[in-house]
C-alpha atoms as a PDB file:
ATOM      1  CA  MET A   1       8.623  -0.140  17.633  1.00  0.00           C
ATOM      2  CA  GLN A   2       6.639  -2.788  15.776  1.00  0.00           C
ATOM      3  CA  GLY A   3       4.656  -2.211  12.619  1.00  0.00           C
ATOM      4  CA  ASN A   4       2.378  -4.052  10.247  1.00  0.00           C
ATOM      5  CA  SER A   5       2.436  -4.491   6.494  1.00  0.00           C
ATOM      6  CA  ILE A   6      -0.600  -4.542   4.264  1.00  0.00           C
ATOM      7  CA  HIS A   7      -0.744  -5.502   0.605  1.00  0.00           C
ATOM      8  CA  GLY A   8      -1.822  -2.842  -1.878  1.00  0.00           C
ATOM      9  CA  LEU A   9      -3.266  -3.921  -5.230  1.00  0.00           C
ATOM     10  CA  ILE A  10      -3.156  -1.731  -8.337  1.00  0.00           C
ATOM     11  CA  ARG A  11      -4.922  -3.269 -11.312  1.00  0.00           C
ATOM     12  CA  ARG A  12      -2.988  -3.404 -14.558  1.00  0.00           C
ATOM     13  CA  THR A  13      -5.280  -0.823 -16.165  1.00  0.00           C
ATOM     14  CA  LEU A  14      -4.365   1.718 -13.444  1.00  0.00           C
ATOM     15  CA  ILE A  15      -0.596   1.200 -13.221  1.00  0.00           C
ATOM     16  CA  TYR A  16       0.012   4.190 -15.502  1.00  0.00           C
ATOM     17  CA  LYS A  17      -1.731   6.442 -12.962  1.00  0.00           C
ATOM     18  CA  PHE A  18       0.468   5.492  -9.970  1.00  0.00           C
ATOM     19  CA  GLN A  19       3.776   4.150 -11.341  1.00  0.00           C
ATOM     20  CA  ASN A  20       5.687   7.418 -10.901  1.00  0.00           C
ATOM     21  CA  ASP A  21       4.102   8.335  -7.562  1.00  0.00           C
ATOM     22  CA  ILE A  22       4.888   5.318  -5.363  1.00  0.00           C
ATOM     23  CA  LEU A  23       8.404   4.255  -4.380  1.00  0.00           C
ATOM     24  CA  GLU A  24       9.553   1.567  -1.967  1.00  0.00           C
ATOM     25  CA  ASP A  25      10.602   2.674   1.546  1.00  0.00           C
ATOM     26  CA  ASN A  26       8.587   5.904   1.426  1.00  0.00           C
ATOM     27  CA  VAL A  27       5.578   6.925   3.513  1.00  0.00           C
ATOM     28  CA  TYR A  28       2.298   7.937   1.856  1.00  0.00           C
ATOM     29  CA  SER A  29      -1.131   9.188   2.725  1.00  0.00           C
ATOM     30  CA  ILE A  30      -3.609   7.217   0.608  1.00  0.00           C
ATOM     31  CA  GLN A  31      -7.243   8.281   0.178  1.00  0.00           C
ATOM     32  CA  ASN A  32     -10.267   6.847  -1.646  1.00  0.00           C
ATOM     33  CA  PHE A  33      -9.479   3.132  -1.828  1.00  0.00           C
ATOM     34  CA  SER A  34     -11.329  -0.060  -0.960  1.00  0.00           C
ATOM     35  CA  VAL A  35     -10.446  -2.670   1.655  1.00  0.00           C
ATOM     36  CA  VAL A  36     -11.029  -6.345   0.857  1.00  0.00           C
ATOM     37  CA  SER A  37     -10.195  -9.706   2.374  1.00  0.00           C
ATOM     38  CA  ASN A  38      -6.650 -10.894   1.679  1.00  0.00           C
ATOM     39  CA  GLY A  39      -7.417 -14.438   0.544  1.00  0.00           C
ATOM     40  CA  GLY A  40      -6.174 -16.718  -2.166  1.00  0.00           C
ATOM     41  CA  SER A  41      -2.936 -18.592  -2.703  1.00  0.00           C
ATOM     42  CA  TYR A  42      -0.750 -15.533  -3.444  1.00  0.00           C
ATOM     43  CA  ARG A  43      -0.372 -13.456  -0.302  1.00  0.00           C
ATOM     44  CA  THR A  44       2.453 -10.949   0.093  1.00  0.00           C
ATOM     45  CA  THR A  45       1.605 -10.258   3.752  1.00  0.00           C
ATOM     46  CA  GLN A  46      -0.096 -12.101   6.589  1.00  0.00           C
ATOM     47  CA  HIS A  47      -2.497  -9.188   7.100  1.00  0.00           C
ATOM     48  CA  ALA A  48      -6.162 -10.240   6.944  1.00  0.00           C
ATOM     49  CA  TYR A  49      -7.001  -7.439   4.493  1.00  0.00           C
ATOM     50  CA  LYS A  50      -5.535  -5.668   1.472  1.00  0.00           C
ATOM     51  CA  ILE A  51      -6.191  -2.297  -0.092  1.00  0.00           C
ATOM     52  CA  ASN A  52      -7.354  -1.888  -3.681  1.00  0.00           C
ATOM     53  CA  PHE A  53      -6.401   1.263  -5.518  1.00  0.00           C
ATOM     54  CA  GLN A  54      -9.142   2.776  -7.673  1.00  0.00           C
ATOM     55  CA  PHE A  55      -9.202   5.460 -10.343  1.00  0.00           C
ATOM     56  CA  GLY A  56     -10.119   8.064  -7.712  1.00  0.00           C
ATOM     57  CA  THR A  57      -7.401   6.997  -5.251  1.00  0.00           C
ATOM     58  CA  LYS A  58      -5.100   9.849  -4.214  1.00  0.00           C
ATOM     59  CA  VAL A  59      -1.496   9.216  -3.135  1.00  0.00           C
ATOM     60  CA  ILE A  60       0.451  11.938  -1.327  1.00  0.00           C
ATOM     61  CA  ALA A  61       4.053  11.534  -0.118  1.00  0.00           C
ATOM     62  CA  VAL A  62       4.502  12.254   3.595  1.00  0.00           C
ATOM     63  CA  ASP A  63       7.801  13.154   5.250  1.00  0.00           C
ATOM     64  CA  SER A  64       7.664  11.045   8.402  1.00  0.00           C
ATOM     65  CA  LYS A  65      10.470   9.698  10.555  1.00  0.00           C
ATOM     66  CA  LEU A  66       7.948   7.927  12.785  1.00  0.00           C
ATOM     67  CA  VAL A  67       7.444   5.032  10.355  1.00  0.00           C
ATOM     68  CA  PRO A  68      10.405   2.645  10.067  1.00  0.00           C
ATOM     69  CA  THR A  69      11.486   1.804   6.499  1.00  0.00           C
ATOM     70  CA  ARG A  70      12.281  -1.846   7.244  1.00  0.00           C
ATOM     71  CA  SER A  71      10.675  -4.396   9.515  1.00  0.00           C
ATOM     72  CA  LEU A  72      12.715  -5.403  12.541  1.00  0.00           C
ATOM     73  CA  HIS A  73      11.550  -9.048  12.355  1.00  0.00           C
END
């Protein structure tokens, strides 16, 4: 199975809202966010786009064994 990674951006002013809800290697359903071009000199993934979290973004943990926790590359 092959997957893709996409960068998620949480602005400094919103970190307080999400810092206890998002952990590495977990799977989440994310709603109400924007998608923008992933340009610039600092790119954490090769994906063409990144997601921007907003004040109204909702993050819900999902128990899924279908999504691998680590890339096989």
